[in-house]
Amino acid sequence: MSQIATPTLGELLDQHTVAAAASRVKHGDIAARNRSSSIGWPCPSGERFLVLQRTVAGKDASPELQMIFEEGTAQEEPIAESLRQDGWEVWRPEVVDLVWPKYQISGRIDKLCRIPEAVALEAGRDPAQVYILEIKTMSPYAYPRLTSWHELLRAKYAYHRCYPAQMASYLWLEERSHGIMVVKNKTSAQKRFLFMGMDEWSWLAEESIQRATRVNQHLADGTMPPVTGYDAEICPKCSRLAQCLPGERPIGADVILSDEMAERLARREELDPLRKEFAALDDSIKASVKQLAGKSAGTWLCEDWVLQVKCRDQHYKALPERDLVVTTVTIRRAKGGSQDEPAAD
């Protein structure tokens, strides 16, 4: 008797994802272009990620990561102004948001610039050259390690690894020979200048353009690139893991194909920063009240809030010299309301 083949988890997901993608393509409900900032997505299944990014609704950055990106954007003009004060010529291009229809790629060029003679002499560059200028900020942990474009290609975080392909594709598509990325340390305000020449990096530009072309063909055909590998640093944190599932396919996990559940999970992620802010603020308030109270119990009022301090002795039989006074603070509204859980030190 012949057995009926049971679809694997991967096959079921591919059927669901491809069907959804094909439907969106049919109705024109897809992102119009590949993002230059994502074209170098570094996981082994990068083309699959790019197709999913354009065909399956969802956010590509957590709220925390989105705040990092927004802060970086806010720093662009102050950093550009500091460069001008150092003798750089920095200006905004006539067209900032660019589109290259042939390859269905869109991008945003921050600035154009000419560098001072001193910087040009030290770097062995032409001060008359006009450069595409990208401005980025980095944490004090990443800044010391990412000292070159090659180091960026090996960086821990996926969005750092995308920077070289973003710049290379800009140079190729805008037919410019050189670009500079200015990287600022968020803590120390140190700046680093990474120069990119098209002669050296044309291979990455061509690779990026070819990748975009293959993604466009998948969308035209209504097909989905297969999973071709797994990166333990990138894939577990990827926003598209639920659709792509590289490395998770063999374990036999069940899949929840529910928009309502996805919305609840997304809302949970949005609220997570508020939970952290609440905990930090709660600890700060209670620490201030404990400082006022010292080692004494008492009650304090602040408008309609009651802050009650209780103290008790904590004895250690084996170590009597370690006896401590434990202080707890309870917060509640004087006119009714839920009472906060006490916190002990």
Protein backbone atom coordinates (compact mmCIF):
# COMPACT_ATOMS: atom_id res chain seq x y z
CA MET A 1 0.00 0.00 0.00
CA SER A 2 1.40 3.33 -0.97
CA GLN A 3 1.84 5.91 1.76
CA ILE A 4 0.53 9.45 1.52
CA ALA A 5 3.41 11.92 1.75
CA THR A 6 3.02 14.38 4.62
CA PRO A 7 4.25 17.91 3.86
CA THR A 8 7.16 19.03 6.03
CA LEU A 9 6.99 22.17 8.10
CA GLY A 10 9.21 23.92 5.58
CA GLU A 11 6.97 22.89 2.69
CA LEU A 12 3.86 24.08 4.51
CA LEU A 13 5.46 27.42 5.26
CA ASP A 14 6.68 27.82 1.71
CA GLN A 15 3.20 27.02 0.37
CA HIS A 16 1.65 29.61 2.68
CA THR A 17 4.32 32.26 2.03
CA VAL A 18 4.48 31.76 -1.73
CA ALA A 19 0.69 31.84 -1.99
CA ALA A 20 0.58 35.06 0.01
CA ALA A 21 3.40 36.55 -2.07
CA ALA A 22 1.78 35.54 -5.36
CA SER A 23 -1.53 37.08 -4.27
CA ARG A 24 0.16 40.34 -3.31
CA VAL A 25 2.08 40.46 -6.60
CA LYS A 26 -1.12 39.80 -8.54
CA HIS A 27 -2.90 42.70 -6.87
CA GLY A 28 0.10 45.00 -6.96
CA ASP A 29 0.23 44.90 -3.16
CA ILE A 30 4.02 44.72 -2.79
CA ALA A 31 6.72 47.16 -1.83
CA ALA A 32 7.69 48.85 -5.08
CA ARG A 33 11.44 48.60 -4.66
CA ASN A 34 14.37 46.95 -2.95
CA ARG A 35 15.82 49.11 -0.21
CA SER A 36 19.47 49.98 -0.73
CA SER A 37 19.92 49.80 3.05
CA SER A 38 18.87 46.11 2.95
CA ILE A 39 20.35 45.01 -0.37
CA GLY A 40 23.39 43.59 1.40
CA TRP A 41 21.39 41.61 3.97
CA PRO A 42 24.10 39.19 5.08
CA CYS A 43 22.40 35.93 6.05
CA PRO A 44 22.86 32.94 3.69
CA SER A 45 19.19 33.24 2.68
CA GLY A 46 19.44 36.97 1.98
CA GLU A 47 17.45 36.89 -1.25
CA ARG A 48 14.61 35.13 0.54
CA PHE A 49 14.68 37.88 3.17
CA LEU A 50 14.46 40.59 0.49
CA VAL A 51 11.48 38.90 -1.21
CA LEU A 52 9.73 38.53 2.15
CA GLN A 53 10.49 42.16 2.96
CA ARG A 54 8.63 43.26 -0.16
CA THR A 55 5.74 40.78 -0.09
CA VAL A 56 4.87 40.02 3.54
CA ALA A 57 3.68 42.80 5.81
CA GLY A 58 5.71 43.32 8.95
CA LYS A 59 8.25 45.50 10.68
CA ASP A 60 11.93 44.95 9.97
CA ALA A 61 13.19 46.53 13.18
CA SER A 62 12.24 46.12 16.83
CA PRO A 63 11.06 49.28 18.66
CA GLU A 64 14.47 49.54 20.35
CA LEU A 65 16.34 49.20 17.04
CA GLN A 66 13.99 51.66 15.35
CA MET A 67 14.78 54.21 18.06
CA ILE A 68 18.50 53.69 17.36
CA PHE A 69 17.92 54.37 13.65
CA GLU A 70 15.82 57.47 14.38
CA GLU A 71 18.47 58.82 16.74
CA GLY A 72 21.10 58.28 14.05
CA THR A 73 18.99 60.23 11.55
CA ALA A 74 18.58 63.07 14.05
CA GLN A 75 22.38 63.25 14.42
CA GLU A 76 23.07 63.64 10.69
CA GLU A 77 22.82 67.42 10.47
CA PRO A 78 24.72 68.17 13.74
CA ILE A 79 27.54 65.90 12.56
CA ALA A 80 27.52 67.55 9.12
CA GLU A 81 27.76 70.96 10.80
CA SER A 82 30.73 69.83 12.88
CA LEU A 83 32.44 68.68 9.67
CA ARG A 84 31.85 72.12 8.13
CA GLN A 85 33.48 73.71 11.17
CA ASP A 86 36.47 71.44 10.53
CA GLY A 87 36.80 72.75 6.98
CA TRP A 88 34.70 70.25 5.04
CA GLU A 89 32.38 71.34 2.26
CA VAL A 90 29.13 69.51 2.97
CA TRP A 91 25.88 70.05 1.15
CA ARG A 92 22.55 68.36 0.61
CA PRO A 93 22.07 66.92 -2.90
CA GLU A 94 19.27 68.33 -5.04
CA VAL A 95 17.50 64.96 -4.91
CA VAL A 96 17.84 63.08 -1.62
CA ASP A 97 15.43 60.18 -2.12
CA LEU A 98 16.57 58.37 -5.25
CA VAL A 99 14.99 55.64 -7.37
CA TRP A 100 16.66 53.44 -9.96
CA PRO A 101 13.68 51.87 -11.83
CA LYS A 102 15.74 49.47 -13.94
CA TYR A 103 16.81 47.55 -10.83
CA GLN A 104 13.82 48.49 -8.65
CA ILE A 105 16.14 49.96 -6.01
CA SER A 106 15.47 53.01 -3.87
CA GLY A 107 17.84 54.84 -1.58
CA ARG A 108 18.54 58.02 0.32
CA ILE A 109 21.85 59.82 0.00
CA ASP A 110 22.55 61.89 3.11
CA LYS A 111 25.01 64.43 1.77
CA LEU A 112 27.72 65.21 -0.78
CA CYS A 113 31.07 66.64 0.28
CA ARG A 114 34.62 67.75 -0.45
CA ILE A 115 37.27 67.08 2.19
CA PRO A 116 39.86 69.50 3.61
CA GLU A 117 43.41 69.33 2.25
CA ALA A 118 44.78 68.06 5.57
CA VAL A 119 42.36 65.12 5.59
CA ALA A 120 43.03 64.46 1.91
CA LEU A 121 46.81 64.49 2.45
CA GLU A 122 46.61 62.08 5.40
CA ALA A 123 44.31 59.70 3.52
CA GLY A 124 46.05 60.05 0.15
CA ARG A 125 42.91 61.44 -1.48
CA ASP A 126 42.04 64.22 -3.90
CA PRO A 127 40.57 67.28 -2.07
CA ALA A 128 38.81 68.39 -5.28
CA GLN A 129 36.89 65.11 -5.51
CA VAL A 130 33.15 65.16 -4.75
CA TYR A 131 32.24 62.27 -2.46
CA ILE A 132 28.95 60.65 -1.56
CA LEU A 133 28.77 61.14 2.21
CA GLU A 134 27.07 58.69 4.56
CA ILE A 135 26.81 59.62 8.24
CA LYS A 136 26.44 56.92 10.90
CA THR A 137 26.65 56.74 14.69
CA MET A 138 27.88 53.74 16.66
CA SER A 139 27.91 52.61 20.26
CA PRO A 140 31.19 52.80 22.18
CA TYR A 141 31.29 48.98 22.02
CA ALA A 142 31.07 48.70 18.23
CA TYR A 143 33.12 51.79 17.35
CA PRO A 144 36.59 50.46 18.32
CA ARG A 145 36.12 47.19 16.40
CA LEU A 146 34.62 48.45 13.14
CA THR A 147 37.60 50.31 11.71
CA SER A 148 37.23 49.45 8.01
CA TRP A 149 34.73 48.36 5.37
CA HIS A 150 36.12 44.82 5.63
CA GLU A 151 35.48 44.80 9.38
CA LEU A 152 31.92 45.96 8.73
CA LEU A 153 31.35 42.95 6.47
CA ARG A 154 32.25 40.76 9.49
CA ALA A 155 30.35 42.81 12.09
CA LYS A 156 28.16 41.22 14.73
CA TYR A 157 24.97 43.06 13.78
CA ALA A 158 23.27 42.55 10.43
CA TYR A 159 22.54 46.23 9.83
CA HIS A 160 26.27 47.04 10.22
CA ARG A 161 27.09 44.39 7.62
CA CYS A 162 24.70 46.11 5.18
CA TYR A 163 26.63 49.40 5.13
CA PRO A 164 29.30 48.40 2.55
CA ALA A 165 26.76 47.17 -0.03
CA GLN A 166 24.65 50.29 0.52
CA MET A 167 27.57 52.59 -0.25
CA ALA A 168 28.85 50.45 -3.15
CA SER A 169 25.41 50.39 -4.78
CA TYR A 170 25.13 54.20 -4.43
CA LEU A 171 28.48 54.66 -6.19
CA TRP A 172 27.52 52.26 -8.97
CA LEU A 173 24.03 53.63 -9.58
CA GLU A 174 25.03 57.30 -9.31
CA GLU A 175 28.16 56.69 -11.42
CA ARG A 176 30.49 58.19 -8.83
CA SER A 177 33.98 56.96 -8.08
CA HIS A 178 34.31 57.62 -4.36
CA GLY A 179 32.33 57.74 -1.16
CA ILE A 180 32.99 58.42 2.52
CA MET A 181 31.22 57.13 5.58
CA VAL A 182 31.74 59.26 8.68
CA VAL A 183 31.24 57.19 11.82
CA LYS A 184 30.77 58.97 15.15
CA ASN A 185 31.21 57.36 18.56
CA LYS A 186 28.00 58.14 20.46
CA THR A 187 29.81 58.47 23.78
CA SER A 188 33.18 60.10 23.05
CA ALA A 189 32.13 62.01 19.87
CA GLN A 190 35.22 60.66 18.10
CA LYS A 191 34.92 60.48 14.31
CA ARG A 192 36.32 57.94 11.86
CA PHE A 193 36.41 58.35 8.08
CA LEU A 194 35.99 55.27 5.88
CA PHE A 195 36.81 55.92 2.22
CA MET A 196 35.40 53.67 -0.49
CA GLY A 197 36.66 53.65 -4.07
CA MET A 198 34.62 52.14 -6.88
CA ASP A 199 37.72 50.48 -8.36
CA GLU A 200 38.23 48.39 -5.22
CA TRP A 201 34.59 47.71 -4.41
CA SER A 202 32.97 47.30 -7.83
CA TRP A 203 32.64 43.55 -7.10
CA LEU A 204 30.30 44.28 -4.19
CA ALA A 205 28.27 46.77 -6.24
CA GLU A 206 27.85 44.25 -9.06
CA GLU A 207 26.92 41.53 -6.57
CA SER A 208 24.29 43.81 -5.01
CA ILE A 209 22.78 44.77 -8.38
CA GLN A 210 22.66 41.12 -9.46
CA ARG A 211 20.97 40.19 -6.20
CA ALA A 212 18.31 42.87 -6.73
CA THR A 213 17.76 41.58 -10.28
CA ARG A 214 17.18 38.03 -9.00
CA VAL A 215 14.75 39.29 -6.35
CA ASN A 216 12.85 41.21 -9.01
CA GLN A 217 12.61 38.07 -11.14
CA HIS A 218 11.19 36.09 -8.21
CA LEU A 219 8.52 38.73 -7.75
CA ALA A 220 7.72 38.71 -11.46
CA ASP A 221 7.41 34.91 -11.44
CA GLY A 222 5.60 34.69 -8.08
CA THR A 223 8.30 32.37 -6.68
CA MET A 224 10.11 32.28 -3.35
CA PRO A 225 13.89 31.76 -3.00
CA PRO A 226 14.72 28.67 -0.92
CA VAL A 227 16.43 28.66 2.45
CA THR A 228 20.11 28.25 1.61
CA GLY A 229 21.77 28.44 5.02
CA TYR A 230 21.65 29.63 8.61
CA ASP A 231 23.66 32.27 10.50
CA ALA A 232 23.46 31.85 14.28
CA GLU A 233 24.28 35.54 14.85
CA ILE A 234 21.59 36.90 12.52
CA CYS A 235 18.77 34.45 11.92
CA PRO A 236 17.46 34.03 15.51
CA LYS A 237 16.98 37.82 15.78
CA CYS A 238 15.59 38.36 12.28
CA SER A 239 12.15 39.96 11.98
CA ARG A 240 11.33 37.51 9.15
CA LEU A 241 12.17 34.35 11.11
CA ALA A 242 8.49 33.40 11.38
CA GLN A 243 8.19 33.21 7.59
CA CYS A 244 11.69 32.03 6.75
CA LEU A 245 12.56 29.72 9.66
CA PRO A 246 16.10 28.80 8.60
CA GLY A 247 17.57 26.21 10.92
CA GLU A 248 14.20 25.67 12.63
CA ARG A 249 12.60 23.54 9.91
CA PRO A 250 13.70 20.06 11.07
CA ILE A 251 12.48 20.31 14.66
CA GLY A 252 8.80 19.72 13.84
CA ALA A 253 7.46 22.86 15.47
CA ASP A 254 3.81 23.74 14.92
CA VAL A 255 3.07 27.00 13.10
CA ILE A 256 0.36 29.49 14.07
CA LEU A 257 -0.93 31.16 10.91
CA SER A 258 -3.06 33.76 12.67
CA ASP A 259 -3.07 37.48 11.89
CA GLU A 260 -4.76 38.15 15.23
CA MET A 261 -1.99 36.34 17.13
CA ALA A 262 0.68 38.15 15.11
CA GLU A 263 -0.93 41.49 15.98
CA ARG A 264 -0.98 40.60 19.69
CA LEU A 265 2.67 39.58 19.61
CA ALA A 266 3.59 42.80 17.80
CA ARG A 267 1.68 44.83 20.40
CA ARG A 268 3.49 42.96 23.17
CA GLU A 269 6.81 43.98 21.63
CA GLU A 270 5.67 47.62 21.38
CA LEU A 271 4.76 47.65 25.08
CA ASP A 272 8.01 46.05 26.23
CA PRO A 273 9.95 49.35 26.43
CA LEU A 274 7.17 50.77 28.65
CA ARG A 275 7.56 47.83 31.02
CA LYS A 276 11.28 48.52 31.28
CA GLU A 277 10.67 52.25 31.78
CA PHE A 278 8.12 51.49 34.53
CA ALA A 279 10.57 49.22 36.36
CA ALA A 280 13.36 51.80 36.18
CA LEU A 281 11.09 54.62 37.36
CA ASP A 282 9.62 52.49 40.15
CA ASP A 283 13.11 51.61 41.42
CA SER A 284 14.16 55.27 41.24
CA ILE A 285 11.15 56.53 43.24
CA LYS A 286 11.53 53.88 45.92
CA ALA A 287 15.26 54.52 46.22
CA SER A 288 14.56 58.25 46.78
CA VAL A 289 11.98 57.50 49.48
CA LYS A 290 14.34 55.06 51.22
CA GLN A 291 17.02 57.75 51.24
CA LEU A 292 14.57 60.13 52.94
CA ALA A 293 13.57 57.50 55.48
CA GLY A 294 17.04 56.25 56.32
CA LYS A 295 16.51 53.18 58.50
CA SER A 296 13.22 54.37 59.97
CA ALA A 297 9.66 53.43 59.10
CA GLY A 298 7.25 56.18 58.17
CA THR A 299 4.71 57.58 55.74
CA TRP A 300 5.20 60.29 53.14
CA LEU A 301 2.62 62.11 51.03
CA CYS A 302 3.09 63.57 47.55
CA GLU A 303 -0.11 65.16 46.21
CA ASP A 304 -2.60 62.23 46.33
CA TRP A 305 0.05 59.53 46.58
CA VAL A 306 0.90 57.71 49.81
CA LEU A 307 4.41 56.29 50.10
CA GLN A 308 4.74 54.00 53.10
CA VAL A 309 8.10 52.75 54.39
CA LYS A 310 8.42 49.63 56.52
CA CYS A 311 11.57 48.25 58.11
CA ARG A 312 12.43 44.83 59.50
CA ASP A 313 15.55 43.17 60.79
CA GLN A 314 17.07 40.36 58.76
CA HIS A 315 19.06 38.00 61.01
CA TYR A 316 21.71 35.51 59.91
CA LYS A 317 22.23 32.81 62.53
CA ALA A 318 25.53 31.66 61.09
CA LEU A 319 26.79 35.22 60.59
CA PRO A 320 25.32 37.48 63.29
CA GLU A 321 27.54 40.34 62.17
CA ARG A 322 25.63 40.26 58.85
CA ASP A 323 22.32 41.37 60.43
CA LEU A 324 20.63 43.87 58.14
CA VAL A 325 17.70 46.26 58.20
CA VAL A 326 15.49 45.51 55.18
CA THR A 327 13.40 48.44 53.97
CA THR A 328 10.33 48.11 51.76
CA VAL A 329 8.32 50.87 50.09
CA THR A 330 4.64 50.62 49.17
CA ILE A 331 3.05 53.13 46.77
CA ARG A 332 -0.68 53.74 46.47
CA ARG A 333 -3.15 56.51 45.73
CA ALA A 334 -4.71 58.15 48.77
CA LYS A 335 -8.12 58.28 47.05
CA GLY A 336 -8.26 54.62 46.22
CA GLY A 337 -6.43 52.60 43.61
CA SER A 338 -4.33 49.52 43.32
CA GLN A 339 -1.45 49.09 45.72
CA ASP A 340 2.01 48.53 44.31
CA GLU A 341 3.96 45.42 45.20
CA PRO A 342 6.55 46.12 47.90
CA ALA A 343 10.18 46.05 46.84
CA ALA A 344 12.87 44.84 49.22
CA ASP A 345 16.56 45.66 49.28
